[in-house]
Amino acid sequence: MDTVKARKQGNAVMVTLAKKFNVPEGKEFFVTKEDDGTISLIPKVDDYFENAEPGQFIDQEDTIAKNFSTRGNELDNEN
């Protein structure tokens, strides 16, 4: 297991990641800190729906849900 040492740079504390982790320069992450002190970096993914054409991601199940209509008693135990 690799170890790193935090260092102060200006008003921030920095942790350097080794090149072997293949983290591209400029990559954005969400950062979380758990109660036990564990810090996780979660890669921010691009919104792949951003440039989608209308209807591009609709499939058969979406069509079924779109045409579904309720009767009003779906949660009753007797029906």
PDB file of N, CA and C in Angstrom:
ATOM      1  N   MET A   1       0.850  -1.172   0.000  1.00  0.00           N
ATOM      2  CA  MET A   1       0.000   0.000   0.000  1.00  0.00           C
ATOM      3  C   MET A   1       0.892   1.229   0.000  1.00  0.00           C
ATOM      4  N   ASP A   2       0.580   2.173  -0.875  1.00  0.00           N
ATOM      5  CA  ASP A   2       1.350   3.405  -0.955  1.00  0.00           C
ATOM      6  C   ASP A   2       0.956   4.354   0.170  1.00  0.00           C
ATOM      7  N   THR A   3       1.880   5.203   0.551  1.00  0.00           N
ATOM      8  CA  THR A   3       1.575   6.253   1.513  1.00  0.00           C
ATOM      9  C   THR A   3       1.953   7.593   0.897  1.00  0.00           C
ATOM     10  N   VAL A   4       1.284   8.639   1.340  1.00  0.00           N
ATOM     11  CA  VAL A   4       1.589  10.003   0.911  1.00  0.00           C
ATOM     12  C   VAL A   4       1.598  10.879   2.153  1.00  0.00           C
ATOM     13  N   LYS A   5       2.215  12.014   2.032  1.00  0.00           N
ATOM     14  CA  LYS A   5       2.286  12.942   3.153  1.00  0.00           C
ATOM     15  C   LYS A   5       1.622  14.250   2.731  1.00  0.00           C
ATOM     16  N   ALA A   6       0.727  14.747   3.562  1.00  0.00           N
ATOM     17  CA  ALA A   6       0.080  16.023   3.297  1.00  0.00           C
ATOM     18  C   ALA A   6       1.091  17.146   3.538  1.00  0.00           C
ATOM     19  N   ARG A   7       1.008  18.185   2.700  1.00  0.00           N
ATOM     20  CA  ARG A   7       1.904  19.327   2.874  1.00  0.00           C
ATOM     21  C   ARG A   7       1.094  20.608   2.714  1.00  0.00           C
ATOM     22  N   LYS A   8       1.556  21.643   3.363  1.00  0.00           N
ATOM     23  CA  LYS A   8       0.873  22.931   3.299  1.00  0.00           C
ATOM     24  C   LYS A   8       1.376  23.710   2.091  1.00  0.00           C
ATOM     25  N   GLN A   9       0.430  24.287   1.349  1.00  0.00           N
ATOM     26  CA  GLN A   9       0.757  25.155   0.227  1.00  0.00           C
ATOM     27  C   GLN A   9      -0.205  26.338   0.288  1.00  0.00           C
ATOM     28  N   GLY A  10       0.303  27.471   0.714  1.00  0.00           N
ATOM     29  CA  GLY A  10      -0.563  28.639   0.907  1.00  0.00           C
ATOM     30  C   GLY A  10      -1.541  28.371   2.028  1.00  0.00           C
ATOM     31  N   ASN A  11      -2.814  28.572   1.755  1.00  0.00           N
ATOM     32  CA  ASN A  11      -3.855  28.318   2.758  1.00  0.00           C
ATOM     33  C   ASN A  11      -4.485  26.936   2.588  1.00  0.00           C
ATOM     34  N   ALA A  12      -3.875  26.073   1.802  1.00  0.00           N
ATOM     35  CA  ALA A  12      -4.431  24.747   1.539  1.00  0.00           C
ATOM     36  C   ALA A  12      -3.462  23.667   2.006  1.00  0.00           C
ATOM     37  N   VAL A  13      -3.994  22.478   2.220  1.00  0.00           N
ATOM     38  CA  VAL A  13      -3.180  21.298   2.495  1.00  0.00           C
ATOM     39  C   VAL A  13      -3.293  20.406   1.271  1.00  0.00           C
ATOM     40  N   MET A  14      -2.151  20.019   0.717  1.00  0.00           N
ATOM     41  CA  MET A  14      -2.110  19.269  -0.533  1.00  0.00           C
ATOM     42  C   MET A  14      -1.669  17.829  -0.292  1.00  0.00           C
ATOM     43  N   VAL A  15      -2.235  16.910  -1.077  1.00  0.00           N
ATOM     44  CA  VAL A  15      -1.804  15.518  -1.110  1.00  0.00           C
ATOM     45  C   VAL A  15      -1.498  15.195  -2.565  1.00  0.00           C
ATOM     46  N   THR A  16      -0.309  14.723  -2.847  1.00  0.00           N
ATOM     47  CA  THR A  16       0.110  14.427  -4.207  1.00  0.00           C
ATOM     48  C   THR A  16      -0.178  12.964  -4.529  1.00  0.00           C
ATOM     49  N   LEU A  17      -0.758  12.714  -5.719  1.00  0.00           N
ATOM     50  CA  LEU A  17      -1.027  11.350  -6.162  1.00  0.00           C
ATOM     51  C   LEU A  17       0.042  10.939  -7.164  1.00  0.00           C
ATOM     52  N   ALA A  18       0.553   9.734  -7.024  1.00  0.00           N
ATOM     53  CA  ALA A  18       1.597   9.227  -7.907  1.00  0.00           C
ATOM     54  C   ALA A  18       1.085   9.079  -9.341  1.00  0.00           C
ATOM     55  N   LYS A  19       1.988   9.225 -10.300  1.00  0.00           N
ATOM     56  CA  LYS A  19       1.669   9.111 -11.717  1.00  0.00           C
ATOM     57  C   LYS A  19       1.054   7.757 -12.056  1.00  0.00           C
ATOM     58  N   LYS A  20       1.441   6.719 -11.320  1.00  0.00           N
ATOM     59  CA  LYS A  20       0.945   5.367 -11.620  1.00  0.00           C
ATOM     60  C   LYS A  20      -0.569   5.236 -11.468  1.00  0.00           C
ATOM     61  N   PHE A  21      -1.223   6.208 -10.802  1.00  0.00           N
ATOM     62  CA  PHE A  21      -2.674   6.168 -10.650  1.00  0.00           C
ATOM     63  C   PHE A  21      -3.395   6.720 -11.881  1.00  0.00           C
ATOM     64  N   ASN A  22      -2.636   7.242 -12.836  1.00  0.00           N
ATOM     65  CA  ASN A  22      -3.191   7.723 -14.106  1.00  0.00           C
ATOM     66  C   ASN A  22      -4.328   8.722 -13.943  1.00  0.00           C
ATOM     67  N   VAL A  23      -4.156   9.666 -13.040  1.00  0.00           N
ATOM     68  CA  VAL A  23      -5.156  10.725 -12.862  1.00  0.00           C
ATOM     69  C   VAL A  23      -4.799  11.854 -13.833  1.00  0.00           C
ATOM     70  N   PRO A  24      -5.687  12.136 -14.792  1.00  0.00           N
ATOM     71  CA  PRO A  24      -5.364  13.183 -15.758  1.00  0.00           C
ATOM     72  C   PRO A  24      -5.367  14.572 -15.122  1.00  0.00           C
ATOM     73  N   GLU A  25      -4.457  15.398 -15.586  1.00  0.00           N
ATOM     74  CA  GLU A  25      -4.392  16.771 -15.092  1.00  0.00           C
ATOM     75  C   GLU A  25      -5.716  17.471 -15.388  1.00  0.00           C
ATOM     76  N   GLY A  26      -6.223  18.192 -14.403  1.00  0.00           N
ATOM     77  CA  GLY A  26      -7.472  18.926 -14.571  1.00  0.00           C
ATOM     78  C   GLY A  26      -8.722  18.125 -14.249  1.00  0.00           C
ATOM     79  N   LYS A  27      -8.582  16.829 -13.957  1.00  0.00           N
ATOM     80  CA  LYS A  27      -9.733  15.988 -13.625  1.00  0.00           C
ATOM     81  C   LYS A  27     -10.389  16.514 -12.358  1.00  0.00           C
ATOM     82  N   GLU A  28     -11.721  16.595 -12.352  1.00  0.00           N
ATOM     83  CA  GLU A  28     -12.448  17.077 -11.183  1.00  0.00           C
ATOM     84  C   GLU A  28     -12.975  15.905 -10.365  1.00  0.00           C
ATOM     85  N   PHE A  29     -13.009  16.099  -9.047  1.00  0.00           N
ATOM     86  CA  PHE A  29     -13.481  15.075  -8.120  1.00  0.00           C
ATOM     87  C   PHE A  29     -14.439  15.689  -7.110  1.00  0.00           C
ATOM     88  N   PHE A  30     -15.370  14.882  -6.638  1.00  0.00           N
ATOM     89  CA  PHE A  30     -16.143  15.216  -5.446  1.00  0.00           C
ATOM     90  C   PHE A  30     -15.336  14.665  -4.276  1.00  0.00           C
ATOM     91  N   VAL A  31     -15.269  15.403  -3.186  1.00  0.00           N
ATOM     92  CA  VAL A  31     -14.489  14.981  -2.023  1.00  0.00           C
ATOM     93  C   VAL A  31     -15.441  14.782  -0.851  1.00  0.00           C
ATOM     94  N   THR A  32     -15.312  13.645  -0.178  1.00  0.00           N
ATOM     95  CA  THR A  32     -16.106  13.387   1.021  1.00  0.00           C
ATOM     96  C   THR A  32     -15.171  13.007   2.160  1.00  0.00           C
ATOM     97  N   LYS A  33     -15.592  13.328   3.363  1.00  0.00           N
ATOM     98  CA  LYS A  33     -14.834  12.936   4.548  1.00  0.00           C
ATOM     99  C   LYS A  33     -15.785  12.246   5.508  1.00  0.00           C
ATOM    100  N   GLU A  34     -15.454  11.025   5.883  1.00  0.00           N
ATOM    101  CA  GLU A  34     -16.274  10.226   6.791  1.00  0.00           C
ATOM    102  C   GLU A  34     -15.960  10.574   8.239  1.00  0.00           C
ATOM    103  N   ASP A  35     -16.815  10.136   9.144  1.00  0.00           N
ATOM    104  CA  ASP A  35     -16.624  10.384  10.576  1.00  0.00           C
ATOM    105  C   ASP A  35     -15.300   9.812  11.094  1.00  0.00           C
ATOM    106  N   ASP A  36     -14.839   8.709  10.465  1.00  0.00           N
ATOM    107  CA  ASP A  36     -13.589   8.088  10.920  1.00  0.00           C
ATOM    108  C   ASP A  36     -12.351   8.743  10.297  1.00  0.00           C
ATOM    109  N   GLY A  37     -12.551   9.807   9.508  1.00  0.00           N
ATOM    110  CA  GLY A  37     -11.433  10.519   8.901  1.00  0.00           C
ATOM    111  C   GLY A  37     -11.091  10.077   7.491  1.00  0.00           C
ATOM    112  N   THR A  38     -11.744   9.035   6.991  1.00  0.00           N
ATOM    113  CA  THR A  38     -11.498   8.566   5.636  1.00  0.00           C
ATOM    114  C   THR A  38     -11.911   9.635   4.631  1.00  0.00           C
ATOM    115  N   ILE A  39     -11.004   9.964   3.720  1.00  0.00           N
ATOM    116  CA  ILE A  39     -11.282  10.939   2.666  1.00  0.00           C
ATOM    117  C   ILE A  39     -11.363  10.191   1.349  1.00  0.00           C
ATOM    118  N   SER A  40     -12.445  10.395   0.614  1.00  0.00           N
ATOM    119  CA  SER A  40     -12.645   9.727  -0.673  1.00  0.00           C
ATOM    120  C   SER A  40     -12.711  10.753  -1.791  1.00  0.00           C
ATOM    121  N   LEU A  41     -12.077  10.423  -2.906  1.00  0.00           N
ATOM    122  CA  LEU A  41     -12.167  11.226  -4.122  1.00  0.00           C
ATOM    123  C   LEU A  41     -13.045  10.459  -5.104  1.00  0.00           C
ATOM    124  N   ILE A  42     -14.137  11.062  -5.535  1.00  0.00           N
ATOM    125  CA  ILE A  42     -15.063  10.427  -6.459  1.00  0.00           C
ATOM    126  C   ILE A  42     -15.016  11.203  -7.765  1.00  0.00           C
ATOM    127  N   PRO A  43     -14.584  10.574  -8.862  1.00  0.00           N
ATOM    128  CA  PRO A  43     -14.455  11.305 -10.127  1.00  0.00           C
ATOM    129  C   PRO A  43     -15.784  11.894 -10.576  1.00  0.00           C
ATOM    130  N   LYS A  44     -15.738  13.143 -10.984  1.00  0.00           N
ATOM    131  CA  LYS A  44     -16.915  13.801 -11.542  1.00  0.00           C
ATOM    132  C   LYS A  44     -17.006  13.369 -13.000  1.00  0.00           C
ATOM    133  N   VAL A  45     -18.137  12.783 -13.380  1.00  0.00           N
ATOM    134  CA  VAL A  45     -18.311  12.328 -14.756  1.00  0.00           C
ATOM    135  C   VAL A  45     -19.072  13.375 -15.557  1.00  0.00           C
ATOM    136  N   ASP A  46     -18.758  13.432 -16.839  1.00  0.00           N
ATOM    137  CA  ASP A  46     -19.455  14.361 -17.719  1.00  0.00           C
ATOM    138  C   ASP A  46     -20.910  13.938 -17.862  1.00  0.00           C
ATOM    139  N   ASP A  47     -21.786  14.903 -18.071  1.00  0.00           N
ATOM    140  CA  ASP A  47     -23.206  14.631 -18.275  1.00  0.00           C
ATOM    141  C   ASP A  47     -23.396  14.116 -19.700  1.00  0.00           C
ATOM    142  N   TYR A  48     -23.549  12.803 -19.854  1.00  0.00           N
ATOM    143  CA  TYR A  48     -23.653  12.245 -21.201  1.00  0.00           C
ATOM    144  C   TYR A  48     -25.020  12.460 -21.821  1.00  0.00           C
ATOM    145  N   PHE A  49     -25.965  13.054 -21.075  1.00  0.00           N
ATOM    146  CA  PHE A  49     -27.259  13.427 -21.640  1.00  0.00           C
ATOM    147  C   PHE A  49     -27.252  14.867 -22.161  1.00  0.00           C
ATOM    148  N   GLU A  50     -26.175  15.605 -21.912  1.00  0.00           N
ATOM    149  CA  GLU A  50     -26.109  17.022 -22.234  1.00  0.00           C
ATOM    150  C   GLU A  50     -26.416  17.311 -23.712  1.00  0.00           C
ATOM    151  N   ASN A  51     -25.869  16.534 -24.611  1.00  0.00           N
ATOM    152  CA  ASN A  51     -26.053  16.773 -26.042  1.00  0.00           C
ATOM    153  C   ASN A  51     -26.962  15.738 -26.698  1.00  0.00           C
ATOM    154  N   ALA A  52     -27.803  15.090 -25.899  1.00  0.00           N
ATOM    155  CA  ALA A  52     -28.682  14.050 -26.433  1.00  0.00           C
ATOM    156  C   ALA A  52     -29.776  14.653 -27.304  1.00  0.00           C
ATOM    157  N   GLU A  53     -30.108  13.927 -28.350  1.00  0.00           N
ATOM    158  CA  GLU A  53     -31.222  14.308 -29.217  1.00  0.00           C
ATOM    159  C   GLU A  53     -32.524  13.904 -28.536  1.00  0.00           C
ATOM    160  N   PRO A  54     -33.616  14.645 -28.765  1.00  0.00           N
ATOM    161  CA  PRO A  54     -34.905  14.259 -28.178  1.00  0.00           C
ATOM    162  C   PRO A  54     -35.271  12.822 -28.558  1.00  0.00           C
ATOM    163  N   GLY A  55     -35.620  12.019 -27.556  1.00  0.00           N
ATOM    164  CA  GLY A  55     -36.010  10.634 -27.780  1.00  0.00           C
ATOM    165  C   GLY A  55     -34.864   9.655 -27.920  1.00  0.00           C
ATOM    166  N   GLN A  56     -33.627  10.117 -27.861  1.00  0.00           N
ATOM    167  CA  GLN A  56     -32.472   9.244 -28.080  1.00  0.00           C
ATOM    168  C   GLN A  56     -32.363   8.131 -27.042  1.00  0.00           C
ATOM    169  N   PHE A  57     -32.771   8.378 -25.817  1.00  0.00           N
ATOM    170  CA  PHE A  57     -32.613   7.390 -24.751  1.00  0.00           C
ATOM    171  C   PHE A  57     -33.948   6.761 -24.329  1.00  0.00           C
ATOM    172  N   ILE A  58     -34.950   6.819 -25.178  1.00  0.00           N
ATOM    173  CA  ILE A  58     -36.236   6.201 -24.870  1.00  0.00           C
ATOM    174  C   ILE A  58     -36.220   4.777 -25.406  1.00  0.00           C
ATOM    175  N   ASP A  59     -36.637   3.836 -24.568  1.00  0.00           N
ATOM    176  CA  ASP A  59     -36.720   2.450 -25.004  1.00  0.00           C
ATOM    177  C   ASP A  59     -38.123   1.914 -24.753  1.00  0.00           C
ATOM    178  N   GLN A  60     -38.328   0.626 -24.970  1.00  0.00           N
ATOM    179  CA  GLN A  60     -39.656   0.015 -24.843  1.00  0.00           C
ATOM    180  C   GLN A  60     -40.233   0.200 -23.444  1.00  0.00           C
ATOM    181  N   GLU A  61     -39.412   0.050 -22.407  1.00  0.00           N
ATOM    182  CA  GLU A  61     -39.919   0.205 -21.043  1.00  0.00           C
ATOM    183  C   GLU A  61     -40.384   1.628 -20.781  1.00  0.00           C
ATOM    184  N   ASP A  62     -39.707   2.614 -21.340  1.00  0.00           N
ATOM    185  CA  ASP A  62     -40.138   4.001 -21.175  1.00  0.00           C
ATOM    186  C   ASP A  62     -41.496   4.221 -21.824  1.00  0.00           C
ATOM    187  N   THR A  63     -41.720   3.599 -22.976  1.00  0.00           N
ATOM    188  CA  THR A  63     -42.997   3.728 -23.666  1.00  0.00           C
ATOM    189  C   THR A  63     -44.111   3.130 -22.822  1.00  0.00           C
ATOM    190  N   ILE A  64     -43.863   1.996 -22.206  1.00  0.00           N
ATOM    191  CA  ILE A  64     -44.866   1.366 -21.337  1.00  0.00           C
ATOM    192  C   ILE A  64     -45.193   2.289 -20.169  1.00  0.00           C
ATOM    193  N   ALA A  65     -44.187   2.841 -19.528  1.00  0.00           N
ATOM    194  CA  ALA A  65     -44.410   3.729 -18.388  1.00  0.00           C
ATOM    195  C   ALA A  65     -45.119   5.012 -18.820  1.00  0.00           C
ATOM    196  N   LYS A  66     -44.785   5.514 -19.980  1.00  0.00           N
ATOM    197  CA  LYS A  66     -45.394   6.755 -20.468  1.00  0.00           C
ATOM    198  C   LYS A  66     -46.891   6.572 -20.701  1.00  0.00           C
ATOM    199  N   ASN A  67     -47.299   5.392 -21.144  1.00  0.00           N
ATOM    200  CA  ASN A  67     -48.708   5.137 -21.460  1.00  0.00           C
ATOM    201  C   ASN A  67     -49.477   4.500 -20.299  1.00  0.00           C
ATOM    202  N   PHE A  68     -48.849   4.425 -19.122  1.00  0.00           N
ATOM    203  CA  PHE A  68     -49.487   3.806 -17.957  1.00  0.00           C
ATOM    204  C   PHE A  68     -50.481   4.781 -17.330  1.00  0.00           C
ATOM    205  N   SER A  69     -51.648   4.295 -17.002  1.00  0.00           N
ATOM    206  CA  SER A  69     -52.614   5.137 -16.286  1.00  0.00           C
ATOM    207  C   SER A  69     -53.107   4.378 -15.064  1.00  0.00           C
ATOM    208  N   THR A  70     -53.261   5.090 -13.980  1.00  0.00           N
ATOM    209  CA  THR A  70     -53.683   4.470 -12.726  1.00  0.00           C
ATOM    210  C   THR A  70     -55.195   4.422 -12.628  1.00  0.00           C
ATOM    211  N   ARG A  71     -55.696   3.471 -11.823  1.00  0.00           N
ATOM    212  CA  ARG A  71     -57.120   3.386 -11.550  1.00  0.00           C
ATOM    213  C   ARG A  71     -57.435   4.082 -10.235  1.00  0.00           C
ATOM    214  N   GLY A  72     -56.418   4.251  -9.384  1.00  0.00           N
ATOM    215  CA  GLY A  72     -56.629   4.916  -8.105  1.00  0.00           C
ATOM    216  C   GLY A  72     -56.617   3.990  -6.911  1.00  0.00           C
ATOM    217  N   ASN A  73     -56.609   2.682  -7.132  1.00  0.00           N
ATOM    218  CA  ASN A  73     -56.617   1.753  -6.003  1.00  0.00           C
ATOM    219  C   ASN A  73     -55.496   0.723  -6.102  1.00  0.00           C
ATOM    220  N   GLU A  74     -54.401   1.060  -6.734  1.00  0.00           N
ATOM    221  CA  GLU A  74     -53.317   0.126  -6.941  1.00  0.00           C
ATOM    222  C   GLU A  74     -52.691  -0.375  -5.635  1.00  0.00           C
ATOM    223  N   LEU A  75     -52.758   0.417  -4.570  1.00  0.00           N
ATOM    224  CA  LEU A  75     -52.131   0.032  -3.311  1.00  0.00           C
ATOM    225  C   LEU A  75     -53.086  -0.670  -2.353  1.00  0.00           C
ATOM    226  N   ASP A  76     -54.357  -0.788  -2.707  1.00  0.00           N
ATOM    227  CA  ASP A  76     -55.312  -1.485  -1.847  1.00  0.00           C
ATOM    228  C   ASP A  76     -54.978  -2.962  -1.808  1.00  0.00           C
ATOM    229  N   ASN A  77     -55.059  -3.568  -0.632  1.00  0.00           N
ATOM    230  CA  ASN A  77     -54.760  -4.988  -0.463  1.00  0.00           C
ATOM    231  C   ASN A  77     -55.850  -5.896  -1.032  1.00  0.00           C
ATOM    232  N   GLU A  78     -57.073  -5.384  -1.191  1.00  0.00           N
ATOM    233  CA  GLU A  78     -58.177  -6.208  -1.609  1.00  0.00           C
ATOM    234  C   GLU A  78     -58.272  -6.374  -3.128  1.00  0.00           C
ATOM    235  N   ASN A  79     -57.578  -5.607  -3.902  1.00  0.00           N
ATOM    236  CA  ASN A  79     -57.700  -5.678  -5.362  1.00  0.00           C
ATOM    237  C   ASN A  79     -56.558  -6.423  -5.983  1.00  0.00           C
TER     238      ASN A  79
END
